[in-house]
C-alpha atoms as a PDB file:
ATOM      1  CA  MET A   1      -6.907 -10.645  -2.363  1.00  0.00           C
ATOM      2  CA  ARG A   2     -10.030  -8.774  -3.416  1.00  0.00           C
ATOM      3  CA  LYS A   3     -10.544  -7.400   0.093  1.00  0.00           C
ATOM      4  CA  LEU A   4      -6.976  -6.103   0.282  1.00  0.00           C
ATOM      5  CA  VAL A   5      -7.442  -4.322  -3.053  1.00  0.00           C
ATOM      6  CA  GLU A   6     -10.687  -2.741  -1.798  1.00  0.00           C
ATOM      7  CA  THR A   7      -9.039  -1.665   1.454  1.00  0.00           C
ATOM      8  CA  TRP A   8      -6.061  -0.204  -0.418  1.00  0.00           C
ATOM      9  CA  ILE A   9      -8.365   1.854  -2.630  1.00  0.00           C
ATOM     10  CA  GLU A  10     -10.292   3.055   0.428  1.00  0.00           C
ATOM     11  CA  ALA A  11      -7.057   3.919   2.264  1.00  0.00           C
ATOM     12  CA  GLU A  12      -5.673   5.796  -0.725  1.00  0.00           C
ATOM     13  CA  ARG A  13      -8.886   7.803  -0.999  1.00  0.00           C
ATOM     14  CA  GLU A  14      -9.632   8.466   2.663  1.00  0.00           C
ATOM     15  CA  MET A  15      -6.189   8.585   4.278  1.00  0.00           C
ATOM     16  CA  TYR A  16      -3.972   9.857   1.489  1.00  0.00           C
ATOM     17  CA  GLY A  17      -6.520  11.851  -0.559  1.00  0.00           C
ATOM     18  CA  ASN A  18      -5.778   9.985  -3.798  1.00  0.00           C
ATOM     19  CA  SER A  19      -8.245   9.063  -6.508  1.00  0.00           C
ATOM     20  CA  ILE A  20      -7.920   5.584  -7.989  1.00  0.00           C
ATOM     21  CA  GLY A  21      -6.007   7.121 -10.896  1.00  0.00           C
ATOM     22  CA  LYS A  22      -3.523   8.840  -8.589  1.00  0.00           C
ATOM     23  CA  ALA A  23      -3.178   5.688  -6.482  1.00  0.00           C
ATOM     24  CA  VAL A  24      -2.431   3.631  -9.591  1.00  0.00           C
ATOM     25  CA  ASN A  25       0.111   6.212 -10.770  1.00  0.00           C
ATOM     26  CA  ARG A  26       1.804   6.083  -7.364  1.00  0.00           C
ATOM     27  CA  LEU A  27       1.813   2.270  -7.477  1.00  0.00           C
ATOM     28  CA  ASN A  28       3.443   2.364 -10.918  1.00  0.00           C
ATOM     29  CA  GLU A  29       6.060   4.900  -9.789  1.00  0.00           C
ATOM     30  CA  THR A  30       6.874   2.824  -6.726  1.00  0.00           C
ATOM     31  CA  LEU A  31       7.043  -0.531  -8.496  1.00  0.00           C
ATOM     32  CA  GLY A  32       8.178   0.601 -11.933  1.00  0.00           C
ATOM     33  CA  GLY A  33       5.154  -1.066 -13.494  1.00  0.00           C
ATOM     34  CA  ALA A  34       2.424  -0.275 -15.953  1.00  0.00           C
ATOM     35  CA  VAL A  35      -0.761  -1.121 -14.059  1.00  0.00           C
ATOM     36  CA  THR A  36      -3.935   0.460 -15.416  1.00  0.00           C
ATOM     37  CA  THR A  37      -7.110   1.432 -13.603  1.00  0.00           C
ATOM     38  CA  SER A  38      -8.918  -1.233 -15.608  1.00  0.00           C
ATOM     39  CA  ARG A  39      -6.470  -3.840 -14.259  1.00  0.00           C
ATOM     40  CA  VAL A  40      -7.207  -2.645 -10.718  1.00  0.00           C
ATOM     41  CA  SER A  41     -10.900  -3.086 -11.504  1.00  0.00           C
ATOM     42  CA  GLU A  42     -10.149  -6.668 -12.553  1.00  0.00           C
ATOM     43  CA  TRP A  43      -8.259  -7.207  -9.281  1.00  0.00           C
ATOM     44  CA  ARG A  44     -11.294  -5.892  -7.399  1.00  0.00           C
ATOM     45  CA  ARG A  45     -13.549  -8.375  -9.182  1.00  0.00           C
ATOM     46  CA  GLY A  46     -11.134 -11.266  -8.604  1.00  0.00           C
ATOM     47  CA  ILE A  47     -10.441 -11.818 -12.310  1.00  0.00           C
ATOM     48  CA  TYR A  48      -6.686 -11.409 -11.825  1.00  0.00           C
ATOM     49  CA  CYS A  49      -4.444 -11.389  -8.763  1.00  0.00           C
ATOM     50  CA  PRO A  50      -1.943  -8.569  -8.209  1.00  0.00           C
ATOM     51  CA  SER A  51       1.748  -9.408  -8.157  1.00  0.00           C
ATOM     52  CA  GLN A  52       3.463 -10.051  -4.844  1.00  0.00           C
ATOM     53  CA  GLU A  53       5.096  -6.621  -5.093  1.00  0.00           C
ATOM     54  CA  ALA A  54       1.764  -4.895  -5.712  1.00  0.00           C
ATOM     55  CA  LEU A  55       0.143  -6.752  -2.812  1.00  0.00           C
ATOM     56  CA  SER A  56       3.036  -5.757  -0.559  1.00  0.00           C
ATOM     57  CA  GLU A  57       2.657  -2.103  -1.536  1.00  0.00           C
ATOM     58  CA  MET A  58      -1.108  -2.244  -0.956  1.00  0.00           C
ATOM     59  CA  LEU A  59      -0.561  -3.731   2.489  1.00  0.00           C
ATOM     60  CA  TYR A  60       2.146  -1.164   3.270  1.00  0.00           C
ATOM     61  CA  ARG A  61      -0.169   1.704   2.359  1.00  0.00           C
ATOM     62  CA  GLY A  62      -3.296   0.138   3.826  1.00  0.00           C
ATOM     63  CA  TYR A  63      -2.355  -1.219   7.222  1.00  0.00           C
ATOM     64  CA  PRO A  64      -1.946   2.185   8.959  1.00  0.00           C
ATOM     65  CA  TYR A  65      -5.444   3.054   7.717  1.00  0.00           C
ATOM     66  CA  VAL A  66      -6.840  -0.257   9.001  1.00  0.00           C
ATOM     67  CA  LEU A  67      -5.283   0.298  12.426  1.00  0.00           C
ATOM     68  CA  HIS A  68      -6.713   3.824  12.520  1.00  0.00           C
ATOM     69  CA  LYS A  69     -10.196   2.587  11.541  1.00  0.00           C
ATOM     70  CA  ALA A  70      -9.977  -0.040  14.295  1.00  0.00           C
ATOM     71  CA  GLY A  71      -9.249   2.685  16.836  1.00  0.00           C
ATOM     72  CA  VAL A  72      -5.657   1.600  17.431  1.00  0.00           C
ATOM     73  CA  LYS A  73      -3.514   4.636  18.182  1.00  0.00           C
ATOM     74  CA  LEU A  74       0.182   4.135  17.540  1.00  0.00           C
ATOM     75  CA  ALA A  75       3.088   6.469  17.995  1.00  0.00           C
ATOM     76  CA  PRO A  76       5.364   6.915  14.961  1.00  0.00           C
ATOM     77  CA  GLY A  77       8.021   4.776  16.630  1.00  0.00           C
ATOM     78  CA  GLN A  78       5.543   1.935  16.968  1.00  0.00           C
ATOM     79  CA  LEU A  79       4.719   2.094  13.263  1.00  0.00           C
ATOM     80  CA  ASP A  80       8.460   1.895  12.556  1.00  0.00           C
ATOM     81  CA  VAL A  81       8.703  -1.297  14.633  1.00  0.00           C
ATOM     82  CA  ILE A  82       5.783  -2.847  12.731  1.00  0.00           C
ATOM     83  CA  ASP A  83       7.356  -1.818   9.428  1.00  0.00           C
ATOM     84  CA  GLY A  84      10.615  -3.464  10.475  1.00  0.00           C
ATOM     85  CA  MET A  85       8.814  -6.698  11.303  1.00  0.00           C
ATOM     86  CA  LEU A  86       6.990  -6.890   7.953  1.00  0.00           C
ATOM     87  CA  TRP A  87       9.383  -5.283   5.468  1.00  0.00           C
ATOM     88  CA  VAL A  88      13.074  -4.838   4.884  1.00  0.00           C
ATOM     89  CA  ILE A  89      13.529  -1.063   5.167  1.00  0.00           C
ATOM     90  CA  GLU A  90      16.383   0.882   3.606  1.00  0.00           C
ATOM     91  CA  LYS A  91      16.810   4.422   4.908  1.00  0.00           C
ATOM     92  CA  HIS A  92      18.463   6.873   2.540  1.00  0.00           C
ATOM     93  CA  GLU A  93      20.528   9.924   3.474  1.00  0.00           C
ATOM     94  CA  ASP A  94      17.726  12.266   2.388  1.00  0.00           C
ATOM     95  CA  GLY A  95      15.344  10.607   4.885  1.00  0.00           C
ATOM     96  CA  HIS A  96      13.486   8.673   2.175  1.00  0.00           C
ATOM     97  CA  LYS A  97      12.726   5.047   2.988  1.00  0.00           C
ATOM     98  CA  THR A  98      12.474   2.162   0.565  1.00  0.00           C
ATOM     99  CA  HIS A  99      10.662  -0.969   1.705  1.00  0.00           C
ATOM    100  CA  TYR A 100      10.789  -4.503   0.438  1.00  0.00           C
ATOM    101  CA  PHE A 101       8.468  -7.317   1.378  1.00  0.00           C
ATOM    102  CA  LEU A 102      10.425 -10.555   1.661  1.00  0.00           C
END
């Protein structure tokens, strides 16, 4: 899990322009949790393991970055297909999507 946490942090910084603090705030808003930056540091060191929901969110945010770094170019429709194979996606009337990892 440590590598996924590292990749998520890198993706948040490089792809989304978020500091660790902003990434943690976004994670808390998305999951309704109270994760701290010190807890993320403990995840990075392998002291604790993130919850299944946190891991799912990290993967959701990180995999487009990983594909990009690997030189894989996908059209938006292809990303939607991948999303649909990994997550249950609910599309709202305002265009917002909610994803669940099951």
